[in-house]
Amino acid sequence: MSLIPGASAIGRGFNILGTYDAKSLTWQVINLGPVSSTWEFKPTGSTYEVPENARPVEWTHTTGTSYVYNTVEQFQSHFSQNAGVKASYGGFSGQFDLAYNKTVNTDQS
């Protein structure tokens, strides 16, 4: 069993002049304490160890959509119908007729 993802970054400084990734983390200024419990991430069934001074976020919401196409023409047709794009073989040509929109659901616990 492994430590819950992200726990090793909690309470650490960050070198703002370094790269934008975990390599720029500096000293840990908060002691998370020993592992005191476990937590299961229900969407995957994975169980993680949780340090004494950390708590996982209990609510998780995930959604997704995937499409499978047998031909390039099916792929192009799908996007031309759903995004207003005119397609040609070998890639897309034309312009988007619809504005990009994004739906975000958030929940605070």
PDB file of N, CA and C in Angstrom:
ATOM      1  N   MET A   1       0.853  -1.173   0.000  1.00  0.00           N
ATOM      2  CA  MET A   1       0.000   0.000   0.000  1.00  0.00           C
ATOM      3  C   MET A   1       0.900   1.237   0.000  1.00  0.00           C
ATOM      4  N   SER A   2       0.480   2.276  -0.728  1.00  0.00           N
ATOM      5  CA  SER A   2       1.298   3.478  -0.823  1.00  0.00           C
ATOM      6  C   SER A   2       0.597   4.671  -0.178  1.00  0.00           C
ATOM      7  N   LEU A   3       1.398   5.695   0.072  1.00  0.00           N
ATOM      8  CA  LEU A   3       0.903   6.931   0.661  1.00  0.00           C
ATOM      9  C   LEU A   3      -0.049   7.612  -0.321  1.00  0.00           C
ATOM     10  N   ILE A   4      -1.097   8.239   0.202  1.00  0.00           N
ATOM     11  CA  ILE A   4      -2.081   8.899  -0.652  1.00  0.00           C
ATOM     12  C   ILE A   4      -1.385   9.916  -1.558  1.00  0.00           C
ATOM     13  N   PRO A   5      -1.711   9.926  -2.857  1.00  0.00           N
ATOM     14  CA  PRO A   5      -1.045  10.846  -3.783  1.00  0.00           C
ATOM     15  C   PRO A   5      -1.182  12.302  -3.344  1.00  0.00           C
ATOM     16  N   GLY A   6      -0.099  13.027  -3.408  1.00  0.00           N
ATOM     17  CA  GLY A   6      -0.083  14.434  -3.043  1.00  0.00           C
ATOM     18  C   GLY A   6       0.337  14.699  -1.620  1.00  0.00           C
ATOM     19  N   ALA A   7       0.307  13.693  -0.748  1.00  0.00           N
ATOM     20  CA  ALA A   7       0.645  13.911   0.661  1.00  0.00           C
ATOM     21  C   ALA A   7       2.086  14.377   0.831  1.00  0.00           C
ATOM     22  N   SER A   8       2.977  13.910  -0.013  1.00  0.00           N
ATOM     23  CA  SER A   8       4.382  14.299   0.135  1.00  0.00           C
ATOM     24  C   SER A   8       4.625  15.759  -0.247  1.00  0.00           C
ATOM     25  N   ALA A   9       3.660  16.414  -0.888  1.00  0.00           N
ATOM     26  CA  ALA A   9       3.807  17.822  -1.267  1.00  0.00           C
ATOM     27  C   ALA A   9       3.148  18.771  -0.269  1.00  0.00           C
ATOM     28  N   ILE A  10       2.334  18.248   0.642  1.00  0.00           N
ATOM     29  CA  ILE A  10       1.637  19.097   1.612  1.00  0.00           C
ATOM     30  C   ILE A  10       2.643  19.708   2.576  1.00  0.00           C
ATOM     31  N   GLY A  11       2.486  21.000   2.811  1.00  0.00           N
ATOM     32  CA  GLY A  11       3.320  21.681   3.794  1.00  0.00           C
ATOM     33  C   GLY A  11       4.744  21.937   3.351  1.00  0.00           C
ATOM     34  N   ARG A  12       5.006  21.892   2.068  1.00  0.00           N
ATOM     35  CA  ARG A  12       6.355  22.139   1.558  1.00  0.00           C
ATOM     36  C   ARG A  12       6.407  23.480   0.850  1.00  0.00           C
ATOM     37  N   GLY A  13       7.589  24.068   0.856  1.00  0.00           N
ATOM     38  CA  GLY A  13       7.802  25.288   0.097  1.00  0.00           C
ATOM     39  C   GLY A  13       7.951  24.959  -1.377  1.00  0.00           C
ATOM     40  N   PHE A  14       8.003  26.010  -2.208  1.00  0.00           N
ATOM     41  CA  PHE A  14       8.120  25.826  -3.650  1.00  0.00           C
ATOM     42  C   PHE A  14       9.075  26.868  -4.205  1.00  0.00           C
ATOM     43  N   ASN A  15      10.057  26.426  -4.955  1.00  0.00           N
ATOM     44  CA  ASN A  15      11.025  27.318  -5.583  1.00  0.00           C
ATOM     45  C   ASN A  15      10.370  27.950  -6.808  1.00  0.00           C
ATOM     46  N   ILE A  16       9.959  29.216  -6.701  1.00  0.00           N
ATOM     47  CA  ILE A  16       9.246  29.865  -7.800  1.00  0.00           C
ATOM     48  C   ILE A  16      10.137  30.129  -9.006  1.00  0.00           C
ATOM     49  N   LEU A  17      11.440  30.019  -8.845  1.00  0.00           N
ATOM     50  CA  LEU A  17      12.353  30.207  -9.972  1.00  0.00           C
ATOM     51  C   LEU A  17      12.674  28.892 -10.669  1.00  0.00           C
ATOM     52  N   GLY A  18      12.200  27.785 -10.110  1.00  0.00           N
ATOM     53  CA  GLY A  18      12.465  26.469 -10.685  1.00  0.00           C
ATOM     54  C   GLY A  18      11.414  26.083 -11.705  1.00  0.00           C
ATOM     55  N   THR A  19      11.450  24.821 -12.104  1.00  0.00           N
ATOM     56  CA  THR A  19      10.467  24.311 -13.054  1.00  0.00           C
ATOM     57  C   THR A  19       9.118  24.145 -12.361  1.00  0.00           C
ATOM     58  N   TYR A  20       8.050  24.188 -13.132  1.00  0.00           N
ATOM     59  CA  TYR A  20       6.706  24.085 -12.566  1.00  0.00           C
ATOM     60  C   TYR A  20       6.329  22.616 -12.418  1.00  0.00           C
ATOM     61  N   ASP A  21       6.959  21.947 -11.453  1.00  0.00           N
ATOM     62  CA  ASP A  21       6.662  20.547 -11.164  1.00  0.00           C
ATOM     63  C   ASP A  21       7.190  20.202  -9.778  1.00  0.00           C
ATOM     64  N   ALA A  22       7.054  18.951  -9.396  1.00  0.00           N
ATOM     65  CA  ALA A  22       7.439  18.506  -8.053  1.00  0.00           C
ATOM     66  C   ALA A  22       8.932  18.664  -7.779  1.00  0.00           C
ATOM     67  N   LYS A  23       9.759  18.798  -8.813  1.00  0.00           N
ATOM     68  CA  LYS A  23      11.200  18.983  -8.607  1.00  0.00           C
ATOM     69  C   LYS A  23      11.510  20.304  -7.912  1.00  0.00           C
ATOM     70  N   SER A  24      10.571  21.253  -7.942  1.00  0.00           N
ATOM     71  CA  SER A  24      10.791  22.553  -7.318  1.00  0.00           C
ATOM     72  C   SER A  24      10.280  22.632  -5.882  1.00  0.00           C
ATOM     73  N   LEU A  25       9.803  21.521  -5.334  1.00  0.00           N
ATOM     74  CA  LEU A  25       9.406  21.518  -3.928  1.00  0.00           C
ATOM     75  C   LEU A  25      10.639  21.664  -3.057  1.00  0.00           C
ATOM     76  N   THR A  26      10.499  22.388  -1.948  1.00  0.00           N
ATOM     77  CA  THR A  26      11.624  22.571  -1.024  1.00  0.00           C
ATOM     78  C   THR A  26      11.303  21.863   0.292  1.00  0.00           C
ATOM     79  N   TRP A  27      11.858  22.346   1.380  1.00  0.00           N
ATOM     80  CA  TRP A  27      11.732  21.686   2.671  1.00  0.00           C
ATOM     81  C   TRP A  27      10.288  21.582   3.132  1.00  0.00           C
ATOM     82  N   GLN A  28      10.022  20.507   3.850  1.00  0.00           N
ATOM     83  CA  GLN A  28       8.694  20.328   4.429  1.00  0.00           C
ATOM     84  C   GLN A  28       8.664  21.061   5.761  1.00  0.00           C
ATOM     85  N   VAL A  29       7.750  22.024   5.889  1.00  0.00           N
ATOM     86  CA  VAL A  29       7.666  22.832   7.104  1.00  0.00           C
ATOM     87  C   VAL A  29       6.550  22.366   8.031  1.00  0.00           C
ATOM     88  N   ILE A  30       5.737  21.430   7.575  1.00  0.00           N
ATOM     89  CA  ILE A  30       4.669  20.861   8.398  1.00  0.00           C
ATOM     90  C   ILE A  30       4.902  19.363   8.498  1.00  0.00           C
ATOM     91  N   ASN A  31       4.901  18.860   9.713  1.00  0.00           N
ATOM     92  CA  ASN A  31       5.076  17.430   9.935  1.00  0.00           C
ATOM     93  C   ASN A  31       3.713  16.756   9.826  1.00  0.00           C
ATOM     94  N   LEU A  32       3.560  15.883   8.846  1.00  0.00           N
ATOM     95  CA  LEU A  32       2.281  15.198   8.669  1.00  0.00           C
ATOM     96  C   LEU A  32       2.073  14.065   9.655  1.00  0.00           C
ATOM     97  N   GLY A  33       3.117  13.679  10.357  1.00  0.00           N
ATOM     98  CA  GLY A  33       3.005  12.615  11.337  1.00  0.00           C
ATOM     99  C   GLY A  33       3.020  11.240  10.694  1.00  0.00           C
ATOM    100  N   PRO A  34       2.916  10.210  11.517  1.00  0.00           N
ATOM    101  CA  PRO A  34       2.943   8.841  11.000  1.00  0.00           C
ATOM    102  C   PRO A  34       1.623   8.481  10.309  1.00  0.00           C
ATOM    103  N   VAL A  35       1.645   7.415   9.544  1.00  0.00           N
ATOM    104  CA  VAL A  35       0.424   6.918   8.909  1.00  0.00           C
ATOM    105  C   VAL A  35      -0.528   6.478  10.012  1.00  0.00           C
ATOM    106  N   SER A  36      -1.756   7.010   9.976  1.00  0.00           N
ATOM    107  CA  SER A  36      -2.701   6.682  11.044  1.00  0.00           C
ATOM    108  C   SER A  36      -3.967   5.997  10.544  1.00  0.00           C
ATOM    109  N   SER A  37      -4.187   6.004   9.231  1.00  0.00           N
ATOM    110  CA  SER A  37      -5.396   5.367   8.707  1.00  0.00           C
ATOM    111  C   SER A  37      -5.209   5.039   7.232  1.00  0.00           C
ATOM    112  N   THR A  38      -6.222   4.405   6.682  1.00  0.00           N
ATOM    113  CA  THR A  38      -6.228   4.137   5.244  1.00  0.00           C
ATOM    114  C   THR A  38      -7.484   4.760   4.652  1.00  0.00           C
ATOM    115  N   TRP A  39      -7.467   4.967   3.348  1.00  0.00           N
ATOM    116  CA  TRP A  39      -8.602   5.563   2.656  1.00  0.00           C
ATOM    117  C   TRP A  39      -8.738   4.922   1.290  1.00  0.00           C
ATOM    118  N   GLU A  40      -9.972   4.574   0.909  1.00  0.00           N
ATOM    119  CA  GLU A  40     -10.219   3.962  -0.395  1.00  0.00           C
ATOM    120  C   GLU A  40     -10.761   5.003  -1.363  1.00  0.00           C
ATOM    121  N   PHE A  41     -10.123   5.110  -2.524  1.00  0.00           N
ATOM    122  CA  PHE A  41     -10.615   5.956  -3.607  1.00  0.00           C
ATOM    123  C   PHE A  41     -11.627   5.118  -4.373  1.00  0.00           C
ATOM    124  N   LYS A  42     -12.904   5.373  -4.136  1.00  0.00           N
ATOM    125  CA  LYS A  42     -13.973   4.494  -4.621  1.00  0.00           C
ATOM    126  C   LYS A  42     -14.024   4.298  -6.140  1.00  0.00           C
ATOM    127  N   PRO A  43     -13.771   5.334  -6.966  1.00  0.00           N
ATOM    128  CA  PRO A  43     -13.843   5.081  -8.416  1.00  0.00           C
ATOM    129  C   PRO A  43     -12.888   3.995  -8.916  1.00  0.00           C
ATOM    130  N   THR A  44     -11.735   3.835  -8.263  1.00  0.00           N
ATOM    131  CA  THR A  44     -10.770   2.825  -8.720  1.00  0.00           C
ATOM    132  C   THR A  44     -10.631   1.660  -7.760  1.00  0.00           C
ATOM    133  N   GLY A  45     -11.133   1.814  -6.531  1.00  0.00           N
ATOM    134  CA  GLY A  45     -10.971   0.768  -5.532  1.00  0.00           C
ATOM    135  C   GLY A  45      -9.587   0.733  -4.913  1.00  0.00           C
ATOM    136  N   SER A  46      -8.747   1.735  -5.211  1.00  0.00           N
ATOM    137  CA  SER A  46      -7.390   1.789  -4.655  1.00  0.00           C
ATOM    138  C   SER A  46      -7.434   2.264  -3.210  1.00  0.00           C
ATOM    139  N   THR A  47      -6.643   1.618  -2.356  1.00  0.00           N
ATOM    140  CA  THR A  47      -6.567   2.002  -0.950  1.00  0.00           C
ATOM    141  C   THR A  47      -5.204   2.615  -0.681  1.00  0.00           C
ATOM    142  N   TYR A  48      -5.197   3.736   0.049  1.00  0.00           N
ATOM    143  CA  TYR A  48      -3.969   4.477   0.328  1.00  0.00           C
ATOM    144  C   TYR A  48      -3.788   4.676   1.823  1.00  0.00           C
ATOM    145  N   GLU A  49      -2.545   4.826   2.236  1.00  0.00           N
ATOM    146  CA  GLU A  49      -2.225   5.189   3.614  1.00  0.00           C
ATOM    147  C   GLU A  49      -2.371   6.701   3.755  1.00  0.00           C
ATOM    148  N   VAL A  50      -2.905   7.143   4.902  1.00  0.00           N
ATOM    149  CA  VAL A  50      -3.116   8.568   5.142  1.00  0.00           C
ATOM    150  C   VAL A  50      -2.356   8.974   6.399  1.00  0.00           C
ATOM    151  N   PRO A  51      -1.487  10.000   6.311  1.00  0.00           N
ATOM    152  CA  PRO A  51      -0.771  10.474   7.497  1.00  0.00           C
ATOM    153  C   PRO A  51      -1.737  11.076   8.520  1.00  0.00           C
ATOM    154  N   GLU A  52      -1.284  11.111   9.751  1.00  0.00           N
ATOM    155  CA  GLU A  52      -2.097  11.586  10.869  1.00  0.00           C
ATOM    156  C   GLU A  52      -2.644  13.007  10.666  1.00  0.00           C
ATOM    157  N   ASN A  53      -1.848  13.914  10.114  1.00  0.00           N
ATOM    158  CA  ASN A  53      -2.261  15.312   9.969  1.00  0.00           C
ATOM    159  C   ASN A  53      -2.727  15.661   8.556  1.00  0.00           C
ATOM    160  N   ALA A  54      -3.263  14.706   7.840  1.00  0.00           N
ATOM    161  CA  ALA A  54      -3.805  14.947   6.493  1.00  0.00           C
ATOM    162  C   ALA A  54      -5.157  14.264   6.385  1.00  0.00           C
ATOM    163  N   ARG A  55      -6.023  14.822   5.580  1.00  0.00           N
ATOM    164  CA  ARG A  55      -7.335  14.233   5.359  1.00  0.00           C
ATOM    165  C   ARG A  55      -7.626  14.235   3.861  1.00  0.00           C
ATOM    166  N   PRO A  56      -8.084  13.113   3.329  1.00  0.00           N
ATOM    167  CA  PRO A  56      -8.450  13.086   1.908  1.00  0.00           C
ATOM    168  C   PRO A  56      -9.776  13.797   1.669  1.00  0.00           C
ATOM    169  N   VAL A  57      -9.981  14.256   0.456  1.00  0.00           N
ATOM    170  CA  VAL A  57     -11.261  14.834   0.068  1.00  0.00           C
ATOM    171  C   VAL A  57     -12.185  13.665  -0.224  1.00  0.00           C
ATOM    172  N   GLU A  58     -13.285  13.593   0.491  1.00  0.00           N
ATOM    173  CA  GLU A  58     -14.178  12.442   0.391  1.00  0.00           C
ATOM    174  C   GLU A  58     -15.034  12.435  -0.860  1.00  0.00           C
ATOM    175  N   TRP A  59     -15.361  13.603  -1.399  1.00  0.00           N
ATOM    176  CA  TRP A  59     -16.266  13.668  -2.534  1.00  0.00           C
ATOM    177  C   TRP A  59     -15.477  13.759  -3.825  1.00  0.00           C
ATOM    178  N   THR A  60     -15.783  12.897  -4.752  1.00  0.00           N
ATOM    179  CA  THR A  60     -15.127  12.912  -6.054  1.00  0.00           C
ATOM    180  C   THR A  60     -16.187  12.786  -7.129  1.00  0.00           C
ATOM    181  N   HIS A  61     -16.100  13.638  -8.126  1.00  0.00           N
ATOM    182  CA  HIS A  61     -17.049  13.599  -9.236  1.00  0.00           C
ATOM    183  C   HIS A  61     -16.254  13.536 -10.531  1.00  0.00           C
ATOM    184  N   THR A  62     -16.461  12.497 -11.285  1.00  0.00           N
ATOM    185  CA  THR A  62     -15.776  12.378 -12.563  1.00  0.00           C
ATOM    186  C   THR A  62     -16.788  12.056 -13.651  1.00  0.00           C
ATOM    187  N   THR A  63     -16.578  12.605 -14.806  1.00  0.00           N
ATOM    188  CA  THR A  63     -17.405  12.284 -15.960  1.00  0.00           C
ATOM    189  C   THR A  63     -16.496  12.175 -17.166  1.00  0.00           C
ATOM    190  N   GLY A  64     -16.983  11.557 -18.179  1.00  0.00           N
ATOM    191  CA  GLY A  64     -16.194  11.468 -19.393  1.00  0.00           C
ATOM    192  C   GLY A  64     -17.015  10.898 -20.527  1.00  0.00           C
ATOM    193  N   THR A  65     -16.555  11.143 -21.709  1.00  0.00           N
ATOM    194  CA  THR A  65     -17.186  10.614 -22.907  1.00  0.00           C
ATOM    195  C   THR A  65     -16.085  10.176 -23.848  1.00  0.00           C
ATOM    196  N   SER A  66     -16.276   9.048 -24.471  1.00  0.00           N
ATOM    197  CA  SER A  66     -15.302   8.612 -25.471  1.00  0.00           C
ATOM    198  C   SER A  66     -16.049   8.172 -26.716  1.00  0.00           C
ATOM    199  N   TYR A  67     -15.398   8.310 -27.826  1.00  0.00           N
ATOM    200  CA  TYR A  67     -15.971   7.926 -29.110  1.00  0.00           C
ATOM    201  C   TYR A  67     -14.978   7.031 -29.825  1.00  0.00           C
ATOM    202  N   VAL A  68     -15.499   6.080 -30.580  1.00  0.00           N
ATOM    203  CA  VAL A  68     -14.661   5.176 -31.367  1.00  0.00           C
ATOM    204  C   VAL A  68     -15.125   5.271 -32.811  1.00  0.00           C
ATOM    205  N   TYR A  69     -14.173   5.400 -33.710  1.00  0.00           N
ATOM    206  CA  TYR A  69     -14.488   5.533 -35.133  1.00  0.00           C
ATOM    207  C   TYR A  69     -13.767   4.446 -35.906  1.00  0.00           C
ATOM    208  N   ASN A  70     -14.412   3.969 -36.961  1.00  0.00           N
ATOM    209  CA  ASN A  70     -13.798   2.960 -37.820  1.00  0.00           C
ATOM    210  C   ASN A  70     -13.057   3.575 -38.993  1.00  0.00           C
ATOM    211  N   THR A  71     -13.425   4.792 -39.357  1.00  0.00           N
ATOM    212  CA  THR A  71     -12.785   5.431 -40.508  1.00  0.00           C
ATOM    213  C   THR A  71     -12.502   6.892 -40.205  1.00  0.00           C
ATOM    214  N   VAL A  72     -11.619   7.480 -41.002  1.00  0.00           N
ATOM    215  CA  VAL A  72     -11.334   8.908 -40.891  1.00  0.00           C
ATOM    216  C   VAL A  72     -12.599   9.707 -41.189  1.00  0.00           C
ATOM    217  N   GLU A  73     -13.378   9.240 -42.137  1.00  0.00           N
ATOM    218  CA  GLU A  73     -14.604   9.941 -42.512  1.00  0.00           C
ATOM    219  C   GLU A  73     -15.596  10.004 -41.350  1.00  0.00           C
ATOM    220  N   GLN A  74     -15.726   8.903 -40.584  1.00  0.00           N
ATOM    221  CA  GLN A  74     -16.615   8.908 -39.415  1.00  0.00           C
ATOM    222  C   GLN A  74     -16.129   9.918 -38.382  1.00  0.00           C
ATOM    223  N   PHE A  75     -14.837   9.940 -38.161  1.00  0.00           N
ATOM    224  CA  PHE A  75     -14.242  10.885 -37.214  1.00  0.00           C
ATOM    225  C   PHE A  75     -14.546  12.321 -37.641  1.00  0.00           C
ATOM    226  N   GLN A  76     -14.275  12.637 -38.892  1.00  0.00           N
ATOM    227  CA  GLN A  76     -14.504  13.988 -39.394  1.00  0.00           C
ATOM    228  C   GLN A  76     -15.982  14.349 -39.370  1.00  0.00           C
ATOM    229  N   SER A  77     -16.830  13.411 -39.709  1.00  0.00           N
ATOM    230  CA  SER A  77     -18.263  13.656 -39.720  1.00  0.00           C
ATOM    231  C   SER A  77     -18.776  13.982 -38.322  1.00  0.00           C
ATOM    232  N   HIS A  78     -18.317  13.237 -37.329  1.00  0.00           N
ATOM    233  CA  HIS A  78     -18.751  13.487 -35.951  1.00  0.00           C
ATOM    234  C   HIS A  78     -18.436  14.918 -35.541  1.00  0.00           C
ATOM    235  N   PHE A  79     -17.200  15.345 -35.758  1.00  0.00           N
ATOM    236  CA  PHE A  79     -16.816  16.677 -35.316  1.00  0.00           C
ATOM    237  C   PHE A  79     -17.423  17.773 -36.180  1.00  0.00           C
ATOM    238  N   SER A  80     -17.654  17.509 -37.442  1.00  0.00           N
ATOM    239  CA  SER A  80     -18.290  18.536 -38.269  1.00  0.00           C
ATOM    240  C   SER A  80     -19.742  18.729 -37.844  1.00  0.00           C
ATOM    241  N   GLN A  81     -20.413  17.668 -37.414  1.00  0.00           N
ATOM    242  CA  GLN A  81     -21.801  17.770 -36.957  1.00  0.00           C
ATOM    243  C   GLN A  81     -21.899  18.413 -35.582  1.00  0.00           C
ATOM    244  N   ASN A  82     -20.953  18.117 -34.695  1.00  0.00           N
ATOM    245  CA  ASN A  82     -21.044  18.586 -33.313  1.00  0.00           C
ATOM    246  C   ASN A  82     -20.351  19.906 -33.047  1.00  0.00           C
ATOM    247  N   ALA A  83     -19.439  20.323 -33.908  1.00  0.00           N
ATOM    248  CA  ALA A  83     -18.722  21.568 -33.657  1.00  0.00           C
ATOM    249  C   ALA A  83     -18.849  22.557 -34.806  1.00  0.00           C
ATOM    250  N   GLY A  84     -19.590  22.209 -35.836  1.00  0.00           N
ATOM    251  CA  GLY A  84     -19.748  23.124 -36.946  1.00  0.00           C
ATOM    252  C   GLY A  84     -18.472  23.295 -37.749  1.00  0.00           C
ATOM    253  N   VAL A  85     -17.664  22.250 -37.849  1.00  0.00           N
ATOM    254  CA  VAL A  85     -16.398  22.311 -38.577  1.00  0.00           C
ATOM    255  C   VAL A  85     -16.577  21.624 -39.919  1.00  0.00           C
ATOM    256  N   LYS A  86     -16.060  22.237 -40.966  1.00  0.00           N
ATOM    257  CA  LYS A  86     -16.072  21.583 -42.265  1.00  0.00           C
ATOM    258  C   LYS A  86     -14.793  20.779 -42.385  1.00  0.00           C
ATOM    259  N   ALA A  87     -14.905  19.534 -42.840  1.00  0.00           N
ATOM    260  CA  ALA A  87     -13.751  18.645 -42.864  1.00  0.00           C
ATOM    261  C   ALA A  87     -13.361  18.291 -44.286  1.00  0.00           C
ATOM    262  N   SER A  88     -12.085  17.960 -44.434  1.00  0.00           N
ATOM    263  CA  SER A  88     -11.594  17.410 -45.692  1.00  0.00           C
ATOM    264  C   SER A  88     -10.646  16.281 -45.352  1.00  0.00           C
ATOM    265  N   TYR A  89     -10.480  15.331 -46.248  1.00  0.00           N
ATOM    266  CA  TYR A  89      -9.631  14.180 -45.967  1.00  0.00           C
ATOM    267  C   TYR A  89      -8.208  14.635 -45.666  1.00  0.00           C
ATOM    268  N   GLY A  90      -7.590  14.031 -44.636  1.00  0.00           N
ATOM    269  CA  GLY A  90      -6.218  14.369 -44.270  1.00  0.00           C
ATOM    270  C   GLY A  90      -6.139  15.445 -43.208  1.00  0.00           C
ATOM    271  N   GLY A  91      -7.242  15.921 -42.750  1.00  0.00           N
ATOM    272  CA  GLY A  91      -7.229  16.936 -41.703  1.00  0.00           C
ATOM    273  C   GLY A  91      -8.440  17.829 -41.827  1.00  0.00           C
ATOM    274  N   PHE A  92      -8.570  18.726 -40.896  1.00  0.00           N
ATOM    275  CA  PHE A  92      -9.713  19.623 -40.904  1.00  0.00           C
ATOM    276  C   PHE A  92      -9.362  20.910 -41.638  1.00  0.00           C
ATOM    277  N   SER A  93     -10.340  21.444 -42.334  1.00  0.00           N
ATOM    278  CA  SER A  93     -10.201  22.773 -42.906  1.00  0.00           C
ATOM    279  C   SER A  93     -11.479  23.521 -42.580  1.00  0.00           C
ATOM    280  N   GLY A  94     -11.433  24.801 -42.635  1.00  0.00           N
ATOM    281  CA  GLY A  94     -12.609  25.589 -42.303  1.00  0.00           C
ATOM    282  C   GLY A  94     -12.441  26.252 -40.961  1.00  0.00           C
ATOM    283  N   GLN A  95     -13.531  26.658 -40.381  1.00  0.00           N
ATOM    284  CA  GLN A  95     -13.456  27.338 -39.098  1.00  0.00           C
ATOM    285  C   GLN A  95     -14.579  26.866 -38.193  1.00  0.00           C
ATOM    286  N   PHE A  96     -14.396  27.128 -36.904  1.00  0.00           N
ATOM    287  CA  PHE A  96     -15.422  26.771 -35.937  1.00  0.00           C
ATOM    288  C   PHE A  96     -16.566  27.772 -36.029  1.00  0.00           C
ATOM    289  N   ASP A  97     -17.786  27.256 -36.134  1.00  0.00           N
ATOM    290  CA  ASP A  97     -18.956  28.123 -36.182  1.00  0.00           C
ATOM    291  C   ASP A  97     -19.548  28.352 -34.800  1.00  0.00           C
ATOM    292  N   LEU A  98     -19.205  27.486 -33.877  1.00  0.00           N
ATOM    293  CA  LEU A  98     -19.739  27.598 -32.523  1.00  0.00           C
ATOM    294  C   LEU A  98     -18.634  27.985 -31.564  1.00  0.00           C
ATOM    295  N   ALA A  99     -18.975  28.749 -30.574  1.00  0.00           N
ATOM    296  CA  ALA A  99     -17.995  29.108 -29.551  1.00  0.00           C
ATOM    297  C   ALA A  99     -17.721  27.896 -28.676  1.00  0.00           C
ATOM    298  N   TYR A 100     -16.490  27.793 -28.222  1.00  0.00           N
ATOM    299  CA  TYR A 100     -16.108  26.732 -27.302  1.00  0.00           C
ATOM    300  C   TYR A 100     -16.850  26.954 -26.004  1.00  0.00           C
ATOM    301  N   ASN A 101     -17.444  25.905 -25.462  1.00  0.00           N
ATOM    302  CA  ASN A 101     -18.066  26.057 -24.156  1.00  0.00           C
ATOM    303  C   ASN A 101     -17.646  24.914 -23.267  1.00  0.00           C
ATOM    304  N   LYS A 102     -17.657  25.172 -21.994  1.00  0.00           N
ATOM    305  CA  LYS A 102     -17.167  24.212 -21.020  1.00  0.00           C
ATOM    306  C   LYS A 102     -18.116  24.213 -19.833  1.00  0.00           C
ATOM    307  N   THR A 103     -18.471  23.039 -19.353  1.00  0.00           N
ATOM    308  CA  THR A 103     -19.319  22.918 -18.182  1.00  0.00           C
ATOM    309  C   THR A 103     -18.462  22.437 -17.026  1.00  0.00           C
ATOM    310  N   VAL A 104     -18.520  23.127 -15.922  1.00  0.00           N
ATOM    311  CA  VAL A 104     -17.744  22.751 -14.746  1.00  0.00           C
ATOM    312  C   VAL A 104     -18.695  22.594 -13.576  1.00  0.00           C
ATOM    313  N   ASN A 105     -18.659  21.452 -12.934  1.00  0.00           N
ATOM    314  CA  ASN A 105     -19.447  21.221 -11.726  1.00  0.00           C
ATOM    315  C   ASN A 105     -18.495  21.185 -10.548  1.00  0.00           C
ATOM    316  N   THR A 106     -18.785  21.954  -9.526  1.00  0.00           N
ATOM    317  CA  THR A 106     -17.951  21.930  -8.331  1.00  0.00           C
ATOM    318  C   THR A 106     -18.836  21.694  -7.121  1.00  0.00           C
ATOM    319  N   ASP A 107     -18.259  21.098  -6.113  1.00  0.00           N
ATOM    320  CA  ASP A 107     -18.979  20.846  -4.876  1.00  0.00           C
ATOM    321  C   ASP A 107     -17.996  21.029  -3.737  1.00  0.00           C
ATOM    322  N   GLN A 108     -18.367  21.732  -2.727  1.00  0.00           N
ATOM    323  CA  GLN A 108     -17.512  21.979  -1.574  1.00  0.00           C
ATOM    324  C   GLN A 108     -17.993  21.125  -0.414  1.00  0.00           C
ATOM    325  N   SER A 109     -17.054  20.526   0.295  1.00  0.00           N
ATOM    326  CA  SER A 109     -17.457  19.751   1.466  1.00  0.00           C
ATOM    327  C   SER A 109     -16.746  20.260   2.689  1.00  0.00           C
TER     328      SER A 109
END
